[in-house]
Every structure is written in structure tokens, then in C-alpha cells.
mmCIF file of all heavy atoms, coordinates in Angstrom:
data_MODEL
# 
_entry.id   MODEL 
# 
loop_
_atom_site.group_PDB 
_atom_site.id 
_atom_site.type_symbol 
_atom_site.label_atom_id 
_atom_site.label_alt_id 
_atom_site.label_comp_id 
_atom_site.label_asym_id 
_atom_site.label_entity_id 
_atom_site.label_seq_id 
_atom_site.pdbx_PDB_ins_code 
_atom_site.Cartn_x 
_atom_site.Cartn_y 
_atom_site.Cartn_z 
_atom_site.occupancy 
_atom_site.B_iso_or_equiv 
_atom_site.pdbx_formal_charge 
_atom_site.auth_seq_id 
_atom_site.auth_comp_id 
_atom_site.auth_asym_id 
_atom_site.auth_atom_id 
_atom_site.pdbx_PDB_model_num 
ATOM 1   N N   . ASP A 1 1  ? -18.175 -10.032 -14.503 1.00 0.00 ? 1  ASP A N   1 
ATOM 2   C CA  . ASP A 1 1  ? -17.356 -9.861  -15.686 1.00 0.00 ? 1  ASP A CA  1 
ATOM 3   C C   . ASP A 1 1  ? -17.617 -8.515  -16.395 1.00 0.00 ? 1  ASP A C   1 
ATOM 4   O O   . ASP A 1 1  ? -16.671 -7.942  -16.832 1.00 0.00 ? 1  ASP A O   1 
ATOM 5   C CB  . ASP A 1 1  ? -17.736 -11.029 -16.699 1.00 0.00 ? 1  ASP A CB  1 
ATOM 6   C CG  . ASP A 1 1  ? -17.137 -12.402 -16.287 1.00 0.00 ? 1  ASP A CG  1 
ATOM 7   O OD1 . ASP A 1 1  ? -16.195 -12.430 -15.521 1.00 0.00 ? 1  ASP A OD1 1 
ATOM 8   O OD2 . ASP A 1 1  ? -17.682 -13.447 -16.787 1.00 0.00 ? 1  ASP A OD2 1 
ATOM 9   N N   . ILE A 1 2  ? -18.872 -8.126  -16.373 1.00 0.00 ? 2  ILE A N   1 
ATOM 10  C CA  . ILE A 1 2  ? -19.170 -6.864  -16.936 1.00 0.00 ? 2  ILE A CA  1 
ATOM 11  C C   . ILE A 1 2  ? -18.542 -5.747  -16.163 1.00 0.00 ? 2  ILE A C   1 
ATOM 12  O O   . ILE A 1 2  ? -17.966 -4.748  -16.703 1.00 0.00 ? 2  ILE A O   1 
ATOM 13  C CB  . ILE A 1 2  ? -20.707 -6.604  -17.047 1.00 0.00 ? 2  ILE A CB  1 
ATOM 14  C CG1 . ILE A 1 2  ? -21.306 -7.562  -18.117 1.00 0.00 ? 2  ILE A CG1 1 
ATOM 15  C CG2 . ILE A 1 2  ? -21.090 -5.148  -17.362 1.00 0.00 ? 2  ILE A CG2 1 
ATOM 16  C CD1 . ILE A 1 2  ? -22.819 -7.716  -18.105 1.00 0.00 ? 2  ILE A CD1 1 
ATOM 17  N N   . GLN A 1 3  ? -18.633 -5.782  -14.891 1.00 0.00 ? 3  GLN A N   1 
ATOM 18  C CA  . GLN A 1 3  ? -18.034 -4.745  -14.002 1.00 0.00 ? 3  GLN A CA  1 
ATOM 19  C C   . GLN A 1 3  ? -16.476 -4.763  -14.100 1.00 0.00 ? 3  GLN A C   1 
ATOM 20  O O   . GLN A 1 3  ? -15.885 -3.718  -14.074 1.00 0.00 ? 3  GLN A O   1 
ATOM 21  C CB  . GLN A 1 3  ? -18.467 -4.957  -12.545 1.00 0.00 ? 3  GLN A CB  1 
ATOM 22  C CG  . GLN A 1 3  ? -19.953 -4.648  -12.317 1.00 0.00 ? 3  GLN A CG  1 
ATOM 23  C CD  . GLN A 1 3  ? -20.384 -4.733  -10.909 1.00 0.00 ? 3  GLN A CD  1 
ATOM 24  O OE1 . GLN A 1 3  ? -20.123 -5.681  -10.193 1.00 0.00 ? 3  GLN A OE1 1 
ATOM 25  N NE2 . GLN A 1 3  ? -21.070 -3.706  -10.464 1.00 0.00 ? 3  GLN A NE2 1 
ATOM 26  N N   . VAL A 1 4  ? -15.925 -5.922  -14.322 1.00 0.00 ? 4  VAL A N   1 
ATOM 27  C CA  . VAL A 1 4  ? -14.404 -5.953  -14.533 1.00 0.00 ? 4  VAL A CA  1 
ATOM 28  C C   . VAL A 1 4  ? -14.069 -5.174  -15.824 1.00 0.00 ? 4  VAL A C   1 
ATOM 29  O O   . VAL A 1 4  ? -13.167 -4.384  -15.882 1.00 0.00 ? 4  VAL A O   1 
ATOM 30  C CB  . VAL A 1 4  ? -13.886 -7.414  -14.532 1.00 0.00 ? 4  VAL A CB  1 
ATOM 31  C CG1 . VAL A 1 4  ? -12.466 -7.485  -15.127 1.00 0.00 ? 4  VAL A CG1 1 
ATOM 32  C CG2 . VAL A 1 4  ? -13.945 -8.074  -13.219 1.00 0.00 ? 4  VAL A CG2 1 
ATOM 33  N N   . GLU A 1 5  ? -14.829 -5.479  -16.880 1.00 0.00 ? 5  GLU A N   1 
ATOM 34  C CA  . GLU A 1 5  ? -14.639 -4.786  -18.162 1.00 0.00 ? 5  GLU A CA  1 
ATOM 35  C C   . GLU A 1 5  ? -14.722 -3.244  -18.009 1.00 0.00 ? 5  GLU A C   1 
ATOM 36  O O   . GLU A 1 5  ? -14.037 -2.530  -18.653 1.00 0.00 ? 5  GLU A O   1 
ATOM 37  C CB  . GLU A 1 5  ? -15.684 -5.191  -19.179 1.00 0.00 ? 5  GLU A CB  1 
ATOM 38  C CG  . GLU A 1 5  ? -15.635 -6.533  -19.783 1.00 0.00 ? 5  GLU A CG  1 
ATOM 39  C CD  . GLU A 1 5  ? -16.854 -6.906  -20.671 1.00 0.00 ? 5  GLU A CD  1 
ATOM 40  O OE1 . GLU A 1 5  ? -17.548 -5.957  -21.049 1.00 0.00 ? 5  GLU A OE1 1 
ATOM 41  O OE2 . GLU A 1 5  ? -17.091 -8.086  -20.854 1.00 0.00 ? 5  GLU A OE2 1 
ATOM 42  N N   . GLN A 1 6  ? -15.668 -2.862  -17.215 1.00 0.00 ? 6  GLN A N   1 
ATOM 43  C CA  . GLN A 1 6  ? -15.992 -1.410  -17.080 1.00 0.00 ? 6  GLN A CA  1 
ATOM 44  C C   . GLN A 1 6  ? -15.087 -0.692  -16.080 1.00 0.00 ? 6  GLN A C   1 
ATOM 45  O O   . GLN A 1 6  ? -14.928 0.578   -16.198 1.00 0.00 ? 6  GLN A O   1 
ATOM 46  C CB  . GLN A 1 6  ? -17.459 -1.256  -16.558 1.00 0.00 ? 6  GLN A CB  1 
ATOM 47  C CG  . GLN A 1 6  ? -18.485 -1.913  -17.424 1.00 0.00 ? 6  GLN A CG  1 
ATOM 48  C CD  . GLN A 1 6  ? -18.742 -1.142  -18.722 1.00 0.00 ? 6  GLN A CD  1 
ATOM 49  O OE1 . GLN A 1 6  ? -18.655 0.061   -18.695 1.00 0.00 ? 6  GLN A OE1 1 
ATOM 50  N NE2 . GLN A 1 6  ? -19.055 -1.838  -19.734 1.00 0.00 ? 6  GLN A NE2 1 
ATOM 51  N N   . ALA A 1 7  ? -14.470 -1.459  -15.162 1.00 0.00 ? 7  ALA A N   1 
ATOM 52  C CA  . ALA A 1 7  ? -13.670 -0.772  -14.068 1.00 0.00 ? 7  ALA A CA  1 
ATOM 53  C C   . ALA A 1 7  ? -12.449 -0.146  -14.711 1.00 0.00 ? 7  ALA A C   1 
ATOM 54  O O   . ALA A 1 7  ? -11.665 -0.821  -15.463 1.00 0.00 ? 7  ALA A O   1 
ATOM 55  C CB  . ALA A 1 7  ? -13.253 -1.794  -13.009 1.00 0.00 ? 7  ALA A CB  1 
ATOM 56  N N   . SER A 1 8  ? -12.140 1.114   -14.454 1.00 0.00 ? 8  SER A N   1 
ATOM 57  C CA  . SER A 1 8  ? -11.006 1.792   -14.958 1.00 0.00 ? 8  SER A CA  1 
ATOM 58  C C   . SER A 1 8  ? -9.849  1.827   -13.979 1.00 0.00 ? 8  SER A C   1 
ATOM 59  O O   . SER A 1 8  ? -8.697  1.976   -14.355 1.00 0.00 ? 8  SER A O   1 
ATOM 60  C CB  . SER A 1 8  ? -11.443 3.199   -15.400 1.00 0.00 ? 8  SER A CB  1 
ATOM 61  O OG  . SER A 1 8  ? -11.927 3.929   -14.285 1.00 0.00 ? 8  SER A OG  1 
ATOM 62  N N   . GLU A 1 9  ? -10.098 1.736   -12.732 1.00 0.00 ? 9  GLU A N   1 
ATOM 63  C CA  . GLU A 1 9  ? -9.043  1.768   -11.719 1.00 0.00 ? 9  GLU A CA  1 
ATOM 64  C C   . GLU A 1 9  ? -8.613  0.314   -11.387 1.00 0.00 ? 9  GLU A C   1 
ATOM 65  O O   . GLU A 1 9  ? -9.409  -0.589  -11.268 1.00 0.00 ? 9  GLU A O   1 
ATOM 66  C CB  . GLU A 1 9  ? -9.590  2.464   -10.397 1.00 0.00 ? 9  GLU A CB  1 
ATOM 67  C CG  . GLU A 1 9  ? -9.921  3.910   -10.622 1.00 0.00 ? 9  GLU A CG  1 
ATOM 68  C CD  . GLU A 1 9  ? -10.383 4.531   -9.333  1.00 0.00 ? 9  GLU A CD  1 
ATOM 69  O OE1 . GLU A 1 9  ? -10.183 3.972   -8.241  1.00 0.00 ? 9  GLU A OE1 1 
ATOM 70  O OE2 . GLU A 1 9  ? -10.995 5.626   -9.424  1.00 0.00 ? 9  GLU A OE2 1 
ATOM 71  N N   . LEU A 1 10 ? -7.308  0.188   -11.230 1.00 0.00 ? 10 LEU A N   1 
ATOM 72  C CA  . LEU A 1 10 ? -6.723  -1.103  -11.014 1.00 0.00 ? 10 LEU A CA  1 
ATOM 73  C C   . LEU A 1 10 ? -7.195  -1.798  -9.746  1.00 0.00 ? 10 LEU A C   1 
ATOM 74  O O   . LEU A 1 10 ? -7.627  -2.937  -9.751  1.00 0.00 ? 10 LEU A O   1 
ATOM 75  C CB  . LEU A 1 10 ? -5.178  -0.981  -10.973 1.00 0.00 ? 10 LEU A CB  1 
ATOM 76  C CG  . LEU A 1 10 ? -4.393  -2.340  -10.740 1.00 0.00 ? 10 LEU A CG  1 
ATOM 77  C CD1 . LEU A 1 10 ? -4.730  -3.245  -11.904 1.00 0.00 ? 10 LEU A CD1 1 
ATOM 78  C CD2 . LEU A 1 10 ? -2.953  -2.090  -10.661 1.00 0.00 ? 10 LEU A CD2 1 
ATOM 79  N N   . ASP A 1 11 ? -7.327  -1.027  -8.641  1.00 0.00 ? 11 ASP A N   1 
ATOM 80  C CA  . ASP A 1 11 ? -7.826  -1.577  -7.355  1.00 0.00 ? 11 ASP A CA  1 
ATOM 81  C C   . ASP A 1 11 ? -9.228  -2.149  -7.493  1.00 0.00 ? 11 ASP A C   1 
ATOM 82  O O   . ASP A 1 11 ? -9.514  -3.232  -6.966  1.00 0.00 ? 11 ASP A O   1 
ATOM 83  C CB  . ASP A 1 11 ? -7.769  -0.564  -6.257  1.00 0.00 ? 11 ASP A CB  1 
ATOM 84  C CG  . ASP A 1 11 ? -6.354  -0.236  -5.803  1.00 0.00 ? 11 ASP A CG  1 
ATOM 85  O OD1 . ASP A 1 11 ? -5.391  -1.029  -6.128  1.00 0.00 ? 11 ASP A OD1 1 
ATOM 86  O OD2 . ASP A 1 11 ? -6.204  0.786   -5.096  1.00 0.00 ? 11 ASP A OD2 1 
ATOM 87  N N   . ALA A 1 12 ? -10.044 -1.426  -8.215  1.00 0.00 ? 12 ALA A N   1 
ATOM 88  C CA  . ALA A 1 12 ? -11.421 -1.834  -8.395  1.00 0.00 ? 12 ALA A CA  1 
ATOM 89  C C   . ALA A 1 12 ? -11.460 -3.135  -9.201  1.00 0.00 ? 12 ALA A C   1 
ATOM 90  O O   . ALA A 1 12 ? -12.184 -4.104  -8.914  1.00 0.00 ? 12 ALA A O   1 
ATOM 91  C CB  . ALA A 1 12 ? -12.297 -0.743  -9.065  1.00 0.00 ? 12 ALA A CB  1 
ATOM 92  N N   . ARG A 1 13 ? -10.694 -3.201  -10.303 1.00 0.00 ? 13 ARG A N   1 
ATOM 93  C CA  . ARG A 1 13 ? -10.592 -4.430  -11.185 1.00 0.00 ? 13 ARG A CA  1 
ATOM 94  C C   . ARG A 1 13 ? -10.126 -5.613  -10.361 1.00 0.00 ? 13 ARG A C   1 
ATOM 95  O O   . ARG A 1 13 ? -10.655 -6.698  -10.431 1.00 0.00 ? 13 ARG A O   1 
ATOM 96  C CB  . ARG A 1 13 ? -9.641  -4.137  -12.307 1.00 0.00 ? 13 ARG A CB  1 
ATOM 97  C CG  . ARG A 1 13 ? -10.218 -3.335  -13.422 1.00 0.00 ? 13 ARG A CG  1 
ATOM 98  C CD  . ARG A 1 13 ? -9.269  -3.117  -14.604 1.00 0.00 ? 13 ARG A CD  1 
ATOM 99  N NE  . ARG A 1 13 ? -8.935  -4.340  -15.287 1.00 0.00 ? 13 ARG A NE  1 
ATOM 100 C CZ  . ARG A 1 13 ? -9.607  -4.926  -16.340 1.00 0.00 ? 13 ARG A CZ  1 
ATOM 101 N NH1 . ARG A 1 13 ? -10.618 -4.251  -16.790 1.00 0.00 ? 13 ARG A NH1 1 
ATOM 102 N NH2 . ARG A 1 13 ? -9.146  -6.010  -16.883 1.00 0.00 ? 13 ARG A NH2 1 
ATOM 103 N N   . LEU A 1 14 ? -9.073  -5.373  -9.516  1.00 0.00 ? 14 LEU A N   1 
ATOM 104 C CA  . LEU A 1 14 ? -8.548  -6.482  -8.739  1.00 0.00 ? 14 LEU A CA  1 
ATOM 105 C C   . LEU A 1 14 ? -9.547  -6.980  -7.734  1.00 0.00 ? 14 LEU A C   1 
ATOM 106 O O   . LEU A 1 14 ? -9.718  -8.175  -7.495  1.00 0.00 ? 14 LEU A O   1 
ATOM 107 C CB  . LEU A 1 14 ? -7.224  -6.011  -8.022  1.00 0.00 ? 14 LEU A CB  1 
ATOM 108 C CG  . LEU A 1 14 ? -6.074  -5.781  -8.936  1.00 0.00 ? 14 LEU A CG  1 
ATOM 109 C CD1 . LEU A 1 14 ? -4.853  -5.275  -8.176  1.00 0.00 ? 14 LEU A CD1 1 
ATOM 110 C CD2 . LEU A 1 14 ? -5.677  -7.145  -9.681  1.00 0.00 ? 14 LEU A CD2 1 
ATOM 111 N N   . ASP A 1 15 ? -10.270 -6.027  -7.069  1.00 0.00 ? 15 ASP A N   1 
ATOM 112 C CA  . ASP A 1 15 ? -11.359 -6.372  -6.144  1.00 0.00 ? 15 ASP A CA  1 
ATOM 113 C C   . ASP A 1 15 ? -12.398 -7.214  -6.826  1.00 0.00 ? 15 ASP A C   1 
ATOM 114 O O   . ASP A 1 15 ? -12.865 -8.285  -6.313  1.00 0.00 ? 15 ASP A O   1 
ATOM 115 C CB  . ASP A 1 15 ? -11.988 -5.226  -5.513  1.00 0.00 ? 15 ASP A CB  1 
ATOM 116 C CG  . ASP A 1 15 ? -11.127 -4.509  -4.436  1.00 0.00 ? 15 ASP A CG  1 
ATOM 117 O OD1 . ASP A 1 15 ? -10.053 -5.195  -3.958  1.00 0.00 ? 15 ASP A OD1 1 
ATOM 118 O OD2 . ASP A 1 15 ? -11.373 -3.411  -4.097  1.00 0.00 ? 15 ASP A OD2 1 
ATOM 119 N N   . LEU A 1 16 ? -12.873 -6.800  -8.008  1.00 0.00 ? 16 LEU A N   1 
ATOM 120 C CA  . LEU A 1 16 ? -13.858 -7.556  -8.745  1.00 0.00 ? 16 LEU A CA  1 
ATOM 121 C C   . LEU A 1 16 ? -13.384 -8.925  -9.233  1.00 0.00 ? 16 LEU A C   1 
ATOM 122 O O   . LEU A 1 16 ? -14.056 -9.888  -9.149  1.00 0.00 ? 16 LEU A O   1 
ATOM 123 C CB  . LEU A 1 16 ? -14.310 -6.677  -9.903  1.00 0.00 ? 16 LEU A CB  1 
ATOM 124 C CG  . LEU A 1 16 ? -15.139 -5.413  -9.528  1.00 0.00 ? 16 LEU A CG  1 
ATOM 125 C CD1 . LEU A 1 16 ? -15.217 -4.488  -10.769 1.00 0.00 ? 16 LEU A CD1 1 
ATOM 126 C CD2 . LEU A 1 16 ? -16.551 -5.869  -9.057  1.00 0.00 ? 16 LEU A CD2 1 
ATOM 127 N N   . LEU A 1 17 ? -12.102 -8.994  -9.685  1.00 0.00 ? 17 LEU A N   1 
ATOM 128 C CA  . LEU A 1 17 ? -11.569 -10.278 -10.079 1.00 0.00 ? 17 LEU A CA  1 
ATOM 129 C C   . LEU A 1 17 ? -11.429 -11.166 -8.891  1.00 0.00 ? 17 LEU A C   1 
ATOM 130 O O   . LEU A 1 17 ? -11.725 -12.366 -9.048  1.00 0.00 ? 17 LEU A O   1 
ATOM 131 C CB  . LEU A 1 17 ? -10.178 -10.073 -10.799 1.00 0.00 ? 17 LEU A CB  1 
ATOM 132 C CG  . LEU A 1 17 ? -10.240 -9.454  -12.128 1.00 0.00 ? 17 LEU A CG  1 
ATOM 133 C CD1 . LEU A 1 17 ? -8.860  -8.946  -12.608 1.00 0.00 ? 17 LEU A CD1 1 
ATOM 134 C CD2 . LEU A 1 17 ? -10.801 -10.460 -13.195 1.00 0.00 ? 17 LEU A CD2 1 
ATOM 135 N N   . GLY A 1 18 ? -11.061 -10.698 -7.754  1.00 0.00 ? 18 GLY A N   1 
ATOM 136 C CA  . GLY A 1 18 ? -10.965 -11.530 -6.568  1.00 0.00 ? 18 GLY A CA  1 
ATOM 137 C C   . GLY A 1 18 ? -12.340 -12.072 -6.172  1.00 0.00 ? 18 GLY A C   1 
ATOM 138 O O   . GLY A 1 18 ? -12.475 -13.230 -5.792  1.00 0.00 ? 18 GLY A O   1 
ATOM 139 N N   . ARG A 1 19 ? -13.341 -11.157 -6.237  1.00 0.00 ? 19 ARG A N   1 
ATOM 140 C CA  . ARG A 1 19 ? -14.735 -11.617 -5.917  1.00 0.00 ? 19 ARG A CA  1 
ATOM 141 C C   . ARG A 1 19 ? -15.182 -12.663 -6.892  1.00 0.00 ? 19 ARG A C   1 
ATOM 142 O O   . ARG A 1 19 ? -15.741 -13.679 -6.470  1.00 0.00 ? 19 ARG A O   1 
ATOM 143 C CB  . ARG A 1 19 ? -15.672 -10.423 -5.954  1.00 0.00 ? 19 ARG A CB  1 
ATOM 144 C CG  . ARG A 1 19 ? -17.100 -10.760 -5.755  1.00 0.00 ? 19 ARG A CG  1 
ATOM 145 C CD  . ARG A 1 19 ? -17.404 -11.014 -4.260  1.00 0.00 ? 19 ARG A CD  1 
ATOM 146 N NE  . ARG A 1 19 ? -18.817 -11.318 -4.102  1.00 0.00 ? 19 ARG A NE  1 
ATOM 147 C CZ  . ARG A 1 19 ? -19.353 -12.417 -3.618  1.00 0.00 ? 19 ARG A CZ  1 
ATOM 148 N NH1 . ARG A 1 19 ? -18.512 -13.380 -3.232  1.00 0.00 ? 19 ARG A NH1 1 
ATOM 149 N NH2 . ARG A 1 19 ? -20.616 -12.585 -3.559  1.00 0.00 ? 19 ARG A NH2 1 
ATOM 150 N N   . ALA A 1 20 ? -14.855 -12.536 -8.217  1.00 0.00 ? 20 ALA A N   1 
ATOM 151 C CA  . ALA A 1 20 ? -15.232 -13.480 -9.203  1.00 0.00 ? 20 ALA A CA  1 
ATOM 152 C C   . ALA A 1 20 ? -14.560 -14.871 -9.021  1.00 0.00 ? 20 ALA A C   1 
ATOM 153 O O   . ALA A 1 20 ? -15.252 -15.880 -9.069  1.00 0.00 ? 20 ALA A O   1 
ATOM 154 C CB  . ALA A 1 20 ? -14.985 -12.928 -10.597 1.00 0.00 ? 20 ALA A CB  1 
ATOM 155 N N   . ALA A 1 21 ? -13.307 -14.781 -8.663  1.00 0.00 ? 21 ALA A N   1 
ATOM 156 C CA  . ALA A 1 21 ? -12.540 -16.031 -8.362  1.00 0.00 ? 21 ALA A CA  1 
ATOM 157 C C   . ALA A 1 21 ? -13.117 -16.721 -7.165  1.00 0.00 ? 21 ALA A C   1 
ATOM 158 O O   . ALA A 1 21 ? -13.264 -17.939 -7.178  1.00 0.00 ? 21 ALA A O   1 
ATOM 159 C CB  . ALA A 1 21 ? -11.060 -15.678 -8.147  1.00 0.00 ? 21 ALA A CB  1 
ATOM 160 N N   . THR A 1 22 ? -13.493 -15.971 -6.104  1.00 0.00 ? 22 THR A N   1 
ATOM 161 C CA  . THR A 1 22 ? -14.085 -16.605 -4.939  1.00 0.00 ? 22 THR A CA  1 
ATOM 162 C C   . THR A 1 22 ? -15.461 -17.345 -5.259  1.00 0.00 ? 22 THR A C   1 
ATOM 163 O O   . THR A 1 22 ? -15.678 -18.396 -4.880  1.00 0.00 ? 22 THR A O   1 
ATOM 164 C CB  . THR A 1 22 ? -14.321 -15.526 -3.854  1.00 0.00 ? 22 THR A CB  1 
ATOM 165 O OG1 . THR A 1 22 ? -13.045 -14.996 -3.517  1.00 0.00 ? 22 THR A OG1 1 
ATOM 166 C CG2 . THR A 1 22 ? -14.931 -16.125 -2.637  1.00 0.00 ? 22 THR A CG2 1 
ATOM 167 N N   . VAL A 1 23 ? -16.301 -16.601 -6.051  1.00 0.00 ? 23 VAL A N   1 
ATOM 168 C CA  . VAL A 1 23 ? -17.560 -17.182 -6.459  1.00 0.00 ? 23 VAL A CA  1 
ATOM 169 C C   . VAL A 1 23 ? -17.375 -18.434 -7.257  1.00 0.00 ? 23 VAL A C   1 
ATOM 170 O O   . VAL A 1 23 ? -17.978 -19.453 -6.983  1.00 0.00 ? 23 VAL A O   1 
ATOM 171 C CB  . VAL A 1 23 ? -18.426 -16.148 -7.230  1.00 0.00 ? 23 VAL A CB  1 
ATOM 172 C CG1 . VAL A 1 23 ? -19.640 -16.788 -7.818  1.00 0.00 ? 23 VAL A CG1 1 
ATOM 173 C CG2 . VAL A 1 23 ? -18.883 -14.985 -6.265  1.00 0.00 ? 23 VAL A CG2 1 
ATOM 174 N N   . ALA A 1 24 ? -16.422 -18.371 -8.224  1.00 0.00 ? 24 ALA A N   1 
ATOM 175 C CA  . ALA A 1 24 ? -16.136 -19.522 -9.111  1.00 0.00 ? 24 ALA A CA  1 
ATOM 176 C C   . ALA A 1 24 ? -15.637 -20.688 -8.257  1.00 0.00 ? 24 ALA A C   1 
ATOM 177 O O   . ALA A 1 24 ? -15.999 -21.816 -8.450  1.00 0.00 ? 24 ALA A O   1 
ATOM 178 C CB  . ALA A 1 24 ? -15.201 -19.149 -10.217 1.00 0.00 ? 24 ALA A CB  1 
ATOM 179 N N   . GLU A 1 25 ? -14.666 -20.420 -7.370  1.00 0.00 ? 25 GLU A N   1 
ATOM 180 C CA  . GLU A 1 25 ? -14.050 -21.477 -6.626  1.00 0.00 ? 25 GLU A CA  1 
ATOM 181 C C   . GLU A 1 25 ? -15.019 -22.070 -5.555  1.00 0.00 ? 25 GLU A C   1 
ATOM 182 O O   . GLU A 1 25 ? -15.189 -23.296 -5.496  1.00 0.00 ? 25 GLU A O   1 
ATOM 183 C CB  . GLU A 1 25 ? -12.816 -20.956 -5.885  1.00 0.00 ? 25 GLU A CB  1 
ATOM 184 C CG  . GLU A 1 25 ? -12.102 -22.029 -5.051  1.00 0.00 ? 25 GLU A CG  1 
ATOM 185 C CD  . GLU A 1 25 ? -10.880 -21.479 -4.353  1.00 0.00 ? 25 GLU A CD  1 
ATOM 186 O OE1 . GLU A 1 25 ? -10.548 -20.356 -4.477  1.00 0.00 ? 25 GLU A OE1 1 
ATOM 187 O OE2 . GLU A 1 25 ? -10.262 -22.295 -3.643  1.00 0.00 ? 25 GLU A OE2 1 
ATOM 188 N N   . HIS A 1 26 ? -15.623 -21.236 -4.718  1.00 0.00 ? 26 HIS A N   1 
ATOM 189 C CA  . HIS A 1 26 ? -16.338 -21.745 -3.613  1.00 0.00 ? 26 HIS A CA  1 
ATOM 190 C C   . HIS A 1 26 ? -17.789 -21.996 -3.828  1.00 0.00 ? 26 HIS A C   1 
ATOM 191 O O   . HIS A 1 26 ? -18.346 -23.086 -3.528  1.00 0.00 ? 26 HIS A O   1 
ATOM 192 C CB  . HIS A 1 26 ? -16.221 -20.760 -2.376  1.00 0.00 ? 26 HIS A CB  1 
ATOM 193 C CG  . HIS A 1 26 ? -14.866 -20.632 -1.893  1.00 0.00 ? 26 HIS A CG  1 
ATOM 194 N ND1 . HIS A 1 26 ? -14.160 -21.619 -1.239  1.00 0.00 ? 26 HIS A ND1 1 
ATOM 195 C CD2 . HIS A 1 26 ? -13.978 -19.571 -2.044  1.00 0.00 ? 26 HIS A CD2 1 
ATOM 196 C CE1 . HIS A 1 26 ? -12.965 -21.224 -0.904  1.00 0.00 ? 26 HIS A CE1 1 
ATOM 197 N NE2 . HIS A 1 26 ? -12.772 -19.996 -1.410  1.00 0.00 ? 26 HIS A NE2 1 
ATOM 198 N N   . ALA A 1 27 ? -18.532 -21.113 -4.512  1.00 0.00 ? 27 ALA A N   1 
ATOM 199 C CA  . ALA A 1 27 ? -19.959 -21.250 -4.780  1.00 0.00 ? 27 ALA A CA  1 
ATOM 200 C C   . ALA A 1 27 ? -20.177 -22.203 -5.939  1.00 0.00 ? 27 ALA A C   1 
ATOM 201 O O   . ALA A 1 27 ? -21.133 -23.018 -5.898  1.00 0.00 ? 27 ALA A O   1 
ATOM 202 C CB  . ALA A 1 27 ? -20.587 -19.907 -5.081  1.00 0.00 ? 27 ALA A CB  1 
ATOM 203 N N   . LEU A 1 28 ? -19.365 -22.140 -7.042  1.00 0.00 ? 28 LEU A N   1 
ATOM 204 C CA  . LEU A 1 28 ? -19.582 -23.014 -8.168  1.00 0.00 ? 28 LEU A CA  1 
ATOM 205 C C   . LEU A 1 28 ? -18.727 -24.155 -8.226  1.00 0.00 ? 28 LEU A C   1 
ATOM 206 O O   . LEU A 1 28 ? -18.827 -25.027 -9.073  1.00 0.00 ? 28 LEU A O   1 
ATOM 207 C CB  . LEU A 1 28 ? -19.490 -22.128 -9.442  1.00 0.00 ? 28 LEU A CB  1 
ATOM 208 C CG  . LEU A 1 28 ? -20.449 -21.009 -9.570  1.00 0.00 ? 28 LEU A CG  1 
ATOM 209 C CD1 . LEU A 1 28 ? -20.206 -20.150 -10.843 1.00 0.00 ? 28 LEU A CD1 1 
ATOM 210 C CD2 . LEU A 1 28 ? -21.927 -21.476 -9.620  1.00 0.00 ? 28 LEU A CD2 1 
# 
């Protein structure tokens, strides 16, 4: 979440959001 807030480039934000969604869905 912190890294998403800090990311200035769209691709980086999307990658981080995708990673967060995967963690939330599969791990948690």
C-alpha cells in the first residue's frame, strides 16, 4: 500500500496493485 502511494509511474502502480490483489486473494 505504501509503495502504491509512492509510485509515480502508472506501470509501477499497476504492478504493485496487481501484486497486492494477488496477496489479498490467494494468501489471505
